Structure formats: structure tokens, C-alpha cells
Amino acid sequence: ESFVLEQIGQLLLQAGRYSLAATALQRALNSSRAPSLLILLARTNIQDNDLPAAVQNYMQVVEDYSNEAPTNAVKRDCLEQLVALSTKLKRNTEVAKFQSMLKKLPP
């Protein structure tokens, strides 16, 4: 079920139906907590201009999966997105926190 909902979410995202895409992806997350779903939902949130929700979803990837998948490259991408989003939201404390986390990741 989560695979089908993820595919529907991707199609809706491509069609510019961001709110519907977010709903489908959130439903997919009910049965799977895959980091890829959270990242796709965060990207959908950005397109829907829901930046706080995007921050929350990227944070889940970085924090919930800190000792397992995703790879450091995926974590780096999420942290870079978090720095950019926190800068837009003028959350300077969070910007510094995410920049620090980025520096601690192995190259």
C-alpha cells in the first residue's frame, strides 16, 4: 500500500498538486517510515510553501535514522536543506545547529 501511495504522491507532485501529494505521502508514512518517503514529503512541503513542515520532515530523517540508513550523503543533503530552510525562516539558532551537524559528518 505504501508503494502505491508513494507513486501517487510522486505523480501528484509532478502535476503540481502539492497538497494532494502531501496527503498521499503522509498516508504512505502510516505503513512505512522509509527515509525516502520523508524526503519526498519534505520536497513536496517546499513546493507547497509549507517550510516548517519541510523542516520537520528533514529533521526526522536526520534524527530518527542517525545510527542506520540513510547514507552520509543523504544526511548531508538533508542538513543542507535544513540550513537553507532555517535561513529562509530566520531561525538563526537552528542554522548554527545544522551547520555544526554538517561539519561533524565524514566527507
PDB file of N, CA and C in Angstrom:
ATOM      1  N   GLU A   1       0.815  -1.196   0.000  1.00  0.00           N
ATOM      2  CA  GLU A   1       0.000   0.000   0.000  1.00  0.00           C
ATOM      3  C   GLU A   1       0.864   1.269   0.000  1.00  0.00           C
ATOM      4  N   SER A   2       1.949   1.287   0.813  1.00  0.00           N
ATOM      5  CA  SER A   2       2.758   2.500   0.875  1.00  0.00           C
ATOM      6  C   SER A   2       3.435   2.774  -0.468  1.00  0.00           C
ATOM      7  N   PHE A   3       3.819   1.699  -1.194  1.00  0.00           N
ATOM      8  CA  PHE A   3       4.446   1.885  -2.504  1.00  0.00           C
ATOM      9  C   PHE A   3       3.485   2.571  -3.463  1.00  0.00           C
ATOM     10  N   VAL A   4       2.245   2.132  -3.485  1.00  0.00           N
ATOM     11  CA  VAL A   4       1.239   2.722  -4.377  1.00  0.00           C
ATOM     12  C   VAL A   4       0.996   4.176  -4.010  1.00  0.00           C
ATOM     13  N   LEU A   5       0.863   4.444  -2.712  1.00  0.00           N
ATOM     14  CA  LEU A   5       0.649   5.825  -2.270  1.00  0.00           C
ATOM     15  C   LEU A   5       1.850   6.709  -2.588  1.00  0.00           C
ATOM     16  N   GLU A   6       3.056   6.153  -2.465  1.00  0.00           N
ATOM     17  CA  GLU A   6       4.257   6.911  -2.821  1.00  0.00           C
ATOM     18  C   GLU A   6       4.240   7.257  -4.305  1.00  0.00           C
ATOM     19  N   GLN A   7       3.869   6.299  -5.137  1.00  0.00           N
ATOM     20  CA  GLN A   7       3.805   6.549  -6.580  1.00  0.00           C
ATOM     21  C   GLN A   7       2.748   7.599  -6.913  1.00  0.00           C
ATOM     22  N   ILE A   8       1.605   7.508  -6.254  1.00  0.00           N
ATOM     23  CA  ILE A   8       0.544   8.505  -6.451  1.00  0.00           C
ATOM     24  C   ILE A   8       1.052   9.880  -6.016  1.00  0.00           C
ATOM     25  N   GLY A   9       1.739   9.923  -4.873  1.00  0.00           N
ATOM     26  CA  GLY A   9       2.298  11.184  -4.392  1.00  0.00           C
ATOM     27  C   GLY A   9       3.280  11.787  -5.378  1.00  0.00           C
ATOM     28  N   GLN A  10       4.134  10.956  -5.960  1.00  0.00           N
ATOM     29  CA  GLN A  10       5.098  11.454  -6.949  1.00  0.00           C
ATOM     30  C   GLN A  10       4.392  12.000  -8.182  1.00  0.00           C
ATOM     31  N   LEU A  11       3.373  11.302  -8.641  1.00  0.00           N
ATOM     32  CA  LEU A  11       2.620  11.771  -9.818  1.00  0.00           C
ATOM     33  C   LEU A  11       1.909  13.089  -9.521  1.00  0.00           C
ATOM     34  N   LEU A  12       1.308  13.190  -8.350  1.00  0.00           N
ATOM     35  CA  LEU A  12       0.641  14.439  -7.974  1.00  0.00           C
ATOM     36  C   LEU A  12       1.644  15.578  -7.829  1.00  0.00           C
ATOM     37  N   LEU A  13       2.812  15.282  -7.300  1.00  0.00           N
ATOM     38  CA  LEU A  13       3.862  16.291  -7.172  1.00  0.00           C
ATOM     39  C   LEU A  13       4.273  16.799  -8.548  1.00  0.00           C
ATOM     40  N   GLN A  14       4.477  15.868  -9.481  1.00  0.00           N
ATOM     41  CA  GLN A  14       4.859  16.248 -10.842  1.00  0.00           C
ATOM     42  C   GLN A  14       3.758  17.058 -11.529  1.00  0.00           C
ATOM     43  N   ALA A  15       2.510  16.786 -11.155  1.00  0.00           N
ATOM     44  CA  ALA A  15       1.379  17.505 -11.747  1.00  0.00           C
ATOM     45  C   ALA A  15       1.126  18.853 -11.070  1.00  0.00           C
ATOM     46  N   GLY A  16       1.917  19.161 -10.030  1.00  0.00           N
ATOM     47  CA  GLY A  16       1.751  20.437  -9.343  1.00  0.00           C
ATOM     48  C   GLY A  16       0.627  20.439  -8.329  1.00  0.00           C
ATOM     49  N   ARG A  17       0.151  19.277  -7.958  1.00  0.00           N
ATOM     50  CA  ARG A  17      -0.930  19.147  -6.971  1.00  0.00           C
ATOM     51  C   ARG A  17      -0.312  18.841  -5.608  1.00  0.00           C
ATOM     52  N   TYR A  18       0.369  19.839  -5.061  1.00  0.00           N
ATOM     53  CA  TYR A  18       1.223  19.651  -3.894  1.00  0.00           C
ATOM     54  C   TYR A  18       0.463  19.207  -2.643  1.00  0.00           C
ATOM     55  N   SER A  19      -0.671  19.813  -2.385  1.00  0.00           N
ATOM     56  CA  SER A  19      -1.432  19.465  -1.197  1.00  0.00           C
ATOM     57  C   SER A  19      -1.900  18.009  -1.248  1.00  0.00           C
ATOM     58  N   LEU A  20      -2.399  17.597  -2.403  1.00  0.00           N
ATOM     59  CA  LEU A  20      -2.837  16.210  -2.569  1.00  0.00           C
ATOM     60  C   LEU A  20      -1.652  15.250  -2.496  1.00  0.00           C
ATOM     61  N   ALA A  21      -0.526  15.660  -3.049  1.00  0.00           N
ATOM     62  CA  ALA A  21       0.674  14.829  -2.985  1.00  0.00           C
ATOM     63  C   ALA A  21       1.098  14.636  -1.532  1.00  0.00           C
ATOM     64  N   ALA A  22       1.071  15.718  -0.757  1.00  0.00           N
ATOM     65  CA  ALA A  22       1.456  15.632   0.656  1.00  0.00           C
ATOM     66  C   ALA A  22       0.531  14.687   1.414  1.00  0.00           C
ATOM     67  N   THR A  23      -0.763  14.749   1.108  1.00  0.00           N
ATOM     68  CA  THR A  23      -1.727  13.861   1.765  1.00  0.00           C
ATOM     69  C   THR A  23      -1.436  12.403   1.439  1.00  0.00           C
ATOM     70  N   ALA A  24      -1.174  12.105   0.177  1.00  0.00           N
ATOM     71  CA  ALA A  24      -0.868  10.726  -0.224  1.00  0.00           C
ATOM     72  C   ALA A  24       0.407  10.237   0.457  1.00  0.00           C
ATOM     73  N   LEU A  25       1.415  11.088   0.517  1.00  0.00           N
ATOM     74  CA  LEU A  25       2.685  10.694   1.128  1.00  0.00           C
ATOM     75  C   LEU A  25       2.546  10.510   2.644  1.00  0.00           C
ATOM     76  N   GLN A  26       1.750  11.347   3.278  1.00  0.00           N
ATOM     77  CA  GLN A  26       1.524  11.183   4.708  1.00  0.00           C
ATOM     78  C   GLN A  26       0.805   9.863   4.987  1.00  0.00           C
ATOM     79  N   ARG A  27      -0.110   9.503   4.121  1.00  0.00           N
ATOM     80  CA  ARG A  27      -0.790   8.204   4.281  1.00  0.00           C
ATOM     81  C   ARG A  27       0.186   7.055   4.073  1.00  0.00           C
ATOM     82  N   ALA A  28       1.101   7.221   3.135  1.00  0.00           N
ATOM     83  CA  ALA A  28       2.114   6.180   2.903  1.00  0.00           C
ATOM     84  C   ALA A  28       2.995   6.010   4.134  1.00  0.00           C
ATOM     85  N   LEU A  29       3.261   7.107   4.828  1.00  0.00           N
ATOM     86  CA  LEU A  29       4.097   7.055   6.032  1.00  0.00           C
ATOM     87  C   LEU A  29       3.420   6.316   7.183  1.00  0.00           C
ATOM     88  N   ASN A  30       2.114   6.125   7.097  1.00  0.00           N
ATOM     89  CA  ASN A  30       1.416   5.359   8.136  1.00  0.00           C
ATOM     90  C   ASN A  30       1.853   3.896   8.139  1.00  0.00           C
ATOM     91  N   SER A  31       2.286   3.394   6.985  1.00  0.00           N
ATOM     92  CA  SER A  31       2.689   1.993   6.930  1.00  0.00           C
ATOM     93  C   SER A  31       4.181   1.801   6.680  1.00  0.00           C
ATOM     94  N   SER A  32       4.894   2.868   6.384  1.00  0.00           N
ATOM     95  CA  SER A  32       6.333   2.773   6.150  1.00  0.00           C
ATOM     96  C   SER A  32       7.005   4.064   6.587  1.00  0.00           C
ATOM     97  N   ARG A  33       8.054   3.953   7.366  1.00  0.00           N
ATOM     98  CA  ARG A  33       8.795   5.145   7.811  1.00  0.00           C
ATOM     99  C   ARG A  33      10.106   5.278   7.037  1.00  0.00           C
ATOM    100  N   ALA A  34      10.072   4.905   5.776  1.00  0.00           N
ATOM    101  CA  ALA A  34      11.276   4.952   4.945  1.00  0.00           C
ATOM    102  C   ALA A  34      11.784   6.388   4.829  1.00  0.00           C
ATOM    103  N   PRO A  35      13.093   6.583   4.988  1.00  0.00           N
ATOM    104  CA  PRO A  35      13.652   7.929   4.837  1.00  0.00           C
ATOM    105  C   PRO A  35      13.307   8.558   3.485  1.00  0.00           C
ATOM    106  N   SER A  36      13.246   7.747   2.438  1.00  0.00           N
ATOM    107  CA  SER A  36      12.941   8.295   1.110  1.00  0.00           C
ATOM    108  C   SER A  36      11.551   8.924   1.065  1.00  0.00           C
ATOM    109  N   LEU A  37      10.605   8.361   1.807  1.00  0.00           N
ATOM    110  CA  LEU A  37       9.261   8.943   1.872  1.00  0.00           C
ATOM    111  C   LEU A  37       9.281  10.285   2.585  1.00  0.00           C
ATOM    112  N   LEU A  38      10.025  10.349   3.679  1.00  0.00           N
ATOM    113  CA  LEU A  38      10.124  11.616   4.421  1.00  0.00           C
ATOM    114  C   LEU A  38      10.786  12.701   3.576  1.00  0.00           C
ATOM    115  N   ILE A  39      11.801  12.327   2.821  1.00  0.00           N
ATOM    116  CA  ILE A  39      12.486  13.296   1.961  1.00  0.00           C
ATOM    117  C   ILE A  39      11.550  13.774   0.859  1.00  0.00           C
ATOM    118  N   LEU A  40      10.823  12.853   0.254  1.00  0.00           N
ATOM    119  CA  LEU A  40       9.866  13.232  -0.790  1.00  0.00           C
ATOM    120  C   LEU A  40       8.772  14.129  -0.220  1.00  0.00           C
ATOM    121  N   LEU A  41       8.311  13.814   0.983  1.00  0.00           N
ATOM    122  CA  LEU A  41       7.300  14.660   1.621  1.00  0.00           C
ATOM    123  C   LEU A  41       7.873  16.046   1.920  1.00  0.00           C
ATOM    124  N   ALA A  42       9.113  16.112   2.384  1.00  0.00           N
ATOM    125  CA  ALA A  42       9.740  17.414   2.646  1.00  0.00           C
ATOM    126  C   ALA A  42       9.837  18.239   1.368  1.00  0.00           C
ATOM    127  N   ARG A  43      10.215  17.609   0.274  1.00  0.00           N
ATOM    128  CA  ARG A  43      10.296  18.326  -1.012  1.00  0.00           C
ATOM    129  C   ARG A  43       8.916  18.796  -1.464  1.00  0.00           C
ATOM    130  N   THR A  44       7.910  17.971  -1.197  1.00  0.00           N
ATOM    131  CA  THR A  44       6.530  18.357  -1.513  1.00  0.00           C
ATOM    132  C   THR A  44       6.113  19.546  -0.661  1.00  0.00           C
ATOM    133  N   ASN A  45       6.468  19.511   0.631  1.00  0.00           N
ATOM    134  CA  ASN A  45       6.159  20.637   1.522  1.00  0.00           C
ATOM    135  C   ASN A  45       6.780  21.927   1.013  1.00  0.00           C
ATOM    136  N   ILE A  46       8.002  21.849   0.515  1.00  0.00           N
ATOM    137  CA  ILE A  46       8.667  23.043  -0.014  1.00  0.00           C
ATOM    138  C   ILE A  46       7.893  23.586  -1.208  1.00  0.00           C
ATOM    139  N   GLN A  47       7.507  22.703  -2.111  1.00  0.00           N
ATOM    140  CA  GLN A  47       6.745  23.137  -3.286  1.00  0.00           C
ATOM    141  C   GLN A  47       5.400  23.750  -2.885  1.00  0.00           C
ATOM    142  N   ASP A  48       4.838  23.256  -1.784  1.00  0.00           N
ATOM    143  CA  ASP A  48       3.553  23.754  -1.278  1.00  0.00           C
ATOM    144  C   ASP A  48       3.749  24.960  -0.358  1.00  0.00           C
ATOM    145  N   ASN A  49       4.996  25.420  -0.234  1.00  0.00           N
ATOM    146  CA  ASN A  49       5.376  26.566   0.596  1.00  0.00           C
ATOM    147  C   ASN A  49       5.066  26.345   2.077  1.00  0.00           C
ATOM    148  N   ASP A  50       5.144  25.099   2.503  1.00  0.00           N
ATOM    149  CA  ASP A  50       4.976  24.771   3.913  1.00  0.00           C
ATOM    150  C   ASP A  50       6.362  24.451   4.482  1.00  0.00           C
ATOM    151  N   LEU A  51       7.160  25.499   4.644  1.00  0.00           N
ATOM    152  CA  LEU A  51       8.546  25.328   5.056  1.00  0.00           C
ATOM    153  C   LEU A  51       8.711  24.730   6.449  1.00  0.00           C
ATOM    154  N   PRO A  52       7.878  25.111   7.435  1.00  0.00           N
ATOM    155  CA  PRO A  52       8.023  24.462   8.745  1.00  0.00           C
ATOM    156  C   PRO A  52       7.810  22.941   8.683  1.00  0.00           C
ATOM    157  N   ALA A  53       6.865  22.488   7.883  1.00  0.00           N
ATOM    158  CA  ALA A  53       6.644  21.047   7.742  1.00  0.00           C
ATOM    159  C   ALA A  53       7.836  20.389   7.061  1.00  0.00           C
ATOM    160  N   ALA A  54       8.421  21.074   6.087  1.00  0.00           N
ATOM    161  CA  ALA A  54       9.608  20.535   5.408  1.00  0.00           C
ATOM    162  C   ALA A  54      10.754  20.373   6.402  1.00  0.00           C
ATOM    163  N   VAL A  55      10.944  21.372   7.259  1.00  0.00           N
ATOM    164  CA  VAL A  55      11.987  21.289   8.288  1.00  0.00           C
ATOM    165  C   VAL A  55      11.736  20.079   9.175  1.00  0.00           C
ATOM    166  N   GLN A  56      10.512  19.910   9.613  1.00  0.00           N
ATOM    167  CA  GLN A  56      10.164  18.797  10.495  1.00  0.00           C
ATOM    168  C   GLN A  56      10.465  17.452   9.820  1.00  0.00           C
ATOM    169  N   ASN A  57      10.134  17.314   8.544  1.00  0.00           N
ATOM    170  CA  ASN A  57      10.363  16.041   7.852  1.00  0.00           C
ATOM    171  C   ASN A  57      11.842  15.770   7.610  1.00  0.00           C
ATOM    172  N   TYR A  58      12.592  16.798   7.230  1.00  0.00           N
ATOM    173  CA  TYR A  58      14.040  16.603   7.077  1.00  0.00           C
ATOM    174  C   TYR A  58      14.682  16.260   8.428  1.00  0.00           C
ATOM    175  N   MET A  59      14.196  16.892   9.499  1.00  0.00           N
ATOM    176  CA  MET A  59      14.736  16.606  10.827  1.00  0.00           C
ATOM    177  C   MET A  59      14.495  15.148  11.217  1.00  0.00           C
ATOM    178  N   GLN A  60      13.338  14.624  10.867  1.00  0.00           N
ATOM    179  CA  GLN A  60      13.055  13.220  11.180  1.00  0.00           C
ATOM    180  C   GLN A  60      14.061  12.307  10.502  1.00  0.00           C
ATOM    181  N   VAL A  61      14.428  12.621   9.274  1.00  0.00           N
ATOM    182  CA  VAL A  61      15.413  11.798   8.569  1.00  0.00           C
ATOM    183  C   VAL A  61      16.747  11.861   9.294  1.00  0.00           C
ATOM    184  N   VAL A  62      17.171  13.044   9.665  1.00  0.00           N
ATOM    185  CA  VAL A  62      18.477  13.223  10.298  1.00  0.00           C
ATOM    186  C   VAL A  62      18.503  12.625  11.704  1.00  0.00           C
ATOM    187  N   GLU A  63      17.453  12.831  12.478  1.00  0.00           N
ATOM    188  CA  GLU A  63      17.447  12.392  13.877  1.00  0.00           C
ATOM    189  C   GLU A  63      16.993  10.950  14.061  1.00  0.00           C
ATOM    190  N   ASP A  64      15.912  10.556  13.408  1.00  0.00           N
ATOM    191  CA  ASP A  64      15.354   9.218  13.612  1.00  0.00           C
ATOM    192  C   ASP A  64      16.231   8.122  13.039  1.00  0.00           C
ATOM    193  N   TYR A  65      17.034   8.477  12.063  1.00  0.00           N
ATOM    194  CA  TYR A  65      17.845   7.465  11.399  1.00  0.00           C
ATOM    195  C   TYR A  65      19.329   7.728  11.602  1.00  0.00           C
ATOM    196  N   SER A  66      19.669   8.334  12.736  1.00  0.00           N
ATOM    197  CA  SER A  66      21.053   8.771  12.941  1.00  0.00           C
ATOM    198  C   SER A  66      22.049   7.617  12.991  1.00  0.00           C
ATOM    199  N   ASN A  67      21.636   6.434  13.406  1.00  0.00           N
ATOM    200  CA  ASN A  67      22.579   5.326  13.531  1.00  0.00           C
ATOM    201  C   ASN A  67      22.400   4.246  12.465  1.00  0.00           C
ATOM    202  N   GLU A  68      21.544   4.476  11.498  1.00  0.00           N
ATOM    203  CA  GLU A  68      21.325   3.490  10.438  1.00  0.00           C
ATOM    204  C   GLU A  68      21.184   4.238   9.121  1.00  0.00           C
ATOM    205  N   ALA A  69      20.560   3.589   8.122  1.00  0.00           N
ATOM    206  CA  ALA A  69      20.327   4.276   6.856  1.00  0.00           C
ATOM    207  C   ALA A  69      19.595   5.562   7.177  1.00  0.00           C
ATOM    208  N   PRO A  70      19.733   6.600   6.496  1.00  0.00           N
ATOM    209  CA  PRO A  70      20.344   6.809   5.196  1.00  0.00           C
ATOM    210  C   PRO A  70      21.857   7.006   5.251  1.00  0.00           C
ATOM    211  N   THR A  71      22.429   7.087   4.092  1.00  0.00           N
ATOM    212  CA  THR A  71      23.874   7.274   3.982  1.00  0.00           C
ATOM    213  C   THR A  71      24.261   8.681   4.428  1.00  0.00           C
ATOM    214  N   ASN A  72      25.562   8.876   4.610  1.00  0.00           N
ATOM    215  CA  ASN A  72      26.042  10.212   4.974  1.00  0.00           C
ATOM    216  C   ASN A  72      25.724  11.231   3.885  1.00  0.00           C
ATOM    217  N   ALA A  73      25.728  10.794   2.628  1.00  0.00           N
ATOM    218  CA  ALA A  73      25.398  11.715   1.529  1.00  0.00           C
ATOM    219  C   ALA A  73      23.950  12.196   1.650  1.00  0.00           C
ATOM    220  N   VAL A  74      23.059  11.286   2.014  1.00  0.00           N
ATOM    221  CA  VAL A  74      21.651  11.658   2.186  1.00  0.00           C
ATOM    222  C   VAL A  74      21.505  12.577   3.398  1.00  0.00           C
ATOM    223  N   LYS A  75      22.184  12.245   4.486  1.00  0.00           N
ATOM    224  CA  LYS A  75      22.146  13.111   5.672  1.00  0.00           C
ATOM    225  C   LYS A  75      22.679  14.498   5.337  1.00  0.00           C
ATOM    226  N   ARG A  76      23.776  14.533   4.561  1.00  0.00           N
ATOM    227  CA  ARG A  76      24.365  15.822   4.182  1.00  0.00           C
ATOM    228  C   ARG A  76      23.356  16.648   3.386  1.00  0.00           C
ATOM    229  N   ASP A  77      22.682  16.004   2.428  1.00  0.00           N
ATOM    230  CA  ASP A  77      21.679  16.708   1.629  1.00  0.00           C
ATOM    231  C   ASP A  77      20.560  17.247   2.521  1.00  0.00           C
ATOM    232  N   CYS A  78      20.093  16.427   3.451  1.00  0.00           N
ATOM    233  CA  CYS A  78      19.034  16.872   4.359  1.00  0.00           C
ATOM    234  C   CYS A  78      19.499  18.043   5.217  1.00  0.00           C
ATOM    235  N   LEU A  79      20.709  17.959   5.743  1.00  0.00           N
ATOM    236  CA  LEU A  79      21.230  19.044   6.575  1.00  0.00           C
ATOM    237  C   LEU A  79      21.418  20.327   5.765  1.00  0.00           C
ATOM    238  N   GLU A  80      21.864  20.200   4.529  1.00  0.00           N
ATOM    239  CA  GLU A  80      21.992  21.387   3.676  1.00  0.00           C
ATOM    240  C   GLU A  80      20.628  22.021   3.425  1.00  0.00           C
ATOM    241  N   GLN A  81      19.621  21.188   3.216  1.00  0.00           N
ATOM    242  CA  GLN A  81      18.254  21.702   3.048  1.00  0.00           C
ATOM    243  C   GLN A  81      17.778  22.380   4.335  1.00  0.00           C
ATOM    244  N   LEU A  82      18.113  21.777   5.473  1.00  0.00           N
ATOM    245  CA  LEU A  82      17.722  22.360   6.759  1.00  0.00           C
ATOM    246  C   LEU A  82      18.381  23.717   6.990  1.00  0.00           C
ATOM    247  N   VAL A  83      19.634  23.852   6.599  1.00  0.00           N
ATOM    248  CA  VAL A  83      20.311  25.154   6.718  1.00  0.00           C
ATOM    249  C   VAL A  83      19.594  26.184   5.848  1.00  0.00           C
ATOM    250  N   ALA A  84      19.308  25.816   4.607  1.00  0.00           N
ATOM    251  CA  ALA A  84      18.651  26.748   3.690  1.00  0.00           C
ATOM    252  C   ALA A  84      17.254  27.125   4.178  1.00  0.00           C
ATOM    253  N   LEU A  85      16.474  26.140   4.614  1.00  0.00           N
ATOM    254  CA  LEU A  85      15.118  26.416   5.088  1.00  0.00           C
ATOM    255  C   LEU A  85      15.128  27.251   6.362  1.00  0.00           C
ATOM    256  N   SER A  86      16.016  26.921   7.287  1.00  0.00           N
ATOM    257  CA  SER A  86      16.092  27.680   8.537  1.00  0.00           C
ATOM    258  C   SER A  86      16.544  29.114   8.286  1.00  0.00           C
ATOM    259  N   THR A  87      17.400  29.306   7.288  1.00  0.00           N
ATOM    260  CA  THR A  87      17.809  30.658   6.911  1.00  0.00           C
ATOM    261  C   THR A  87      16.609  31.439   6.389  1.00  0.00           C
ATOM    262  N   LYS A  88      15.819  30.809   5.503  1.00  0.00           N
ATOM    263  CA  LYS A  88      14.615  31.472   4.976  1.00  0.00           C
ATOM    264  C   LYS A  88      13.629  31.816   6.083  1.00  0.00           C
ATOM    265  N   LEU A  89      13.530  30.915   7.074  1.00  0.00           N
ATOM    266  CA  LEU A  89      12.593  31.126   8.174  1.00  0.00           C
ATOM    267  C   LEU A  89      13.174  32.008   9.276  1.00  0.00           C
ATOM    268  N   LYS A  90      14.429  32.450   9.076  1.00  0.00           N
ATOM    269  CA  LYS A  90      15.131  33.324  10.023  1.00  0.00           C
ATOM    270  C   LYS A  90      15.246  32.692  11.408  1.00  0.00           C
ATOM    271  N   ARG A  91      15.593  31.412  11.413  1.00  0.00           N
ATOM    272  CA  ARG A  91      15.812  30.672  12.661  1.00  0.00           C
ATOM    273  C   ARG A  91      17.321  30.493  12.835  1.00  0.00           C
ATOM    274  N   ASN A  92      17.967  31.553  13.293  1.00  0.00           N
ATOM    275  CA  ASN A  92      19.430  31.583  13.351  1.00  0.00           C
ATOM    276  C   ASN A  92      20.028  30.505  14.250  1.00  0.00           C
ATOM    277  N   THR A  93      19.363  30.193  15.352  1.00  0.00           N
ATOM    278  CA  THR A  93      19.872  29.155  16.251  1.00  0.00           C
ATOM    279  C   THR A  93      19.893  27.812  15.538  1.00  0.00           C
ATOM    280  N   GLU A  94      18.831  27.525  14.794  1.00  0.00           N
ATOM    281  CA  GLU A  94      18.768  26.273  14.052  1.00  0.00           C
ATOM    282  C   GLU A  94      19.795  26.238  12.931  1.00  0.00           C
ATOM    283  N   VAL A  95      20.016  27.372  12.269  1.00  0.00           N
ATOM    284  CA  VAL A  95      21.030  27.435  11.210  1.00  0.00           C
ATOM    285  C   VAL A  95      22.375  27.011  11.778  1.00  0.00           C
ATOM    286  N   ALA A  96      22.748  27.580  12.911  1.00  0.00           N
ATOM    287  CA  ALA A  96      24.037  27.253  13.538  1.00  0.00           C
ATOM    288  C   ALA A  96      24.090  25.776  13.933  1.00  0.00           C
ATOM    289  N   LYS A  97      22.997  25.254  14.461  1.00  0.00           N
ATOM    290  CA  LYS A  97      22.938  23.848  14.873  1.00  0.00           C
ATOM    291  C   LYS A  97      23.157  22.925  13.672  1.00  0.00           C
ATOM    292  N   PHE A  98      22.461  23.201  12.571  1.00  0.00           N
ATOM    293  CA  PHE A  98      22.576  22.335  11.391  1.00  0.00           C
ATOM    294  C   PHE A  98      23.937  22.473  10.722  1.00  0.00           C
ATOM    295  N   GLN A  99      24.501  23.677  10.733  1.00  0.00           N
ATOM    296  CA  GLN A  99      25.847  23.853  10.191  1.00  0.00           C
ATOM    297  C   GLN A  99      26.859  23.059  11.007  1.00  0.00           C
ATOM    298  N   SER A 100      26.687  23.056  12.308  1.00  0.00           N
ATOM    299  CA  SER A 100      27.568  22.277  13.176  1.00  0.00           C
ATOM    300  C   SER A 100      27.438  20.786  12.892  1.00  0.00           C
ATOM    301  N   MET A 101      26.205  20.327  12.711  1.00  0.00           N
ATOM    302  CA  MET A 101      25.981  18.903  12.405  1.00  0.00           C
ATOM    303  C   MET A 101      26.616  18.531  11.070  1.00  0.00           C
ATOM    304  N   LEU A 102      26.549  19.456  10.109  1.00  0.00           N
ATOM    305  CA  LEU A 102      27.165  19.219   8.796  1.00  0.00           C
ATOM    306  C   LEU A 102      28.665  19.036   8.922  1.00  0.00           C
ATOM    307  N   LYS A 103      29.301  19.875   9.748  1.00  0.00           N
ATOM    308  CA  LYS A 103      30.752  19.805   9.916  1.00  0.00           C
ATOM    309  C   LYS A 103      31.191  18.484  10.543  1.00  0.00           C
ATOM    310  N   LYS A 104      30.316  17.878  11.341  1.00  0.00           N
ATOM    311  CA  LYS A 104      30.669  16.625  12.019  1.00  0.00           C
ATOM    312  C   LYS A 104      30.521  15.390  11.135  1.00  0.00           C
ATOM    313  N   LEU A 105      29.836  15.545   9.995  1.00  0.00           N
ATOM    314  CA  LEU A 105      29.671  14.393   9.096  1.00  0.00           C
ATOM    315  C   LEU A 105      30.983  14.085   8.385  1.00  0.00           C
ATOM    316  N   PRO A 106      31.318  12.808   8.247  1.00  0.00           N
ATOM    317  CA  PRO A 106      32.527  12.461   7.490  1.00  0.00           C
ATOM    318  C   PRO A 106      32.355  12.836   6.016  1.00  0.00           C
ATOM    319  N   PRO A 107      33.464  13.167   5.349  1.00  0.00           N
ATOM    320  CA  PRO A 107      33.360  13.570   3.935  1.00  0.00           C
ATOM    321  C   PRO A 107      32.907  12.431   3.036  1.00  0.00           C
TER     322      PRO A 107
END
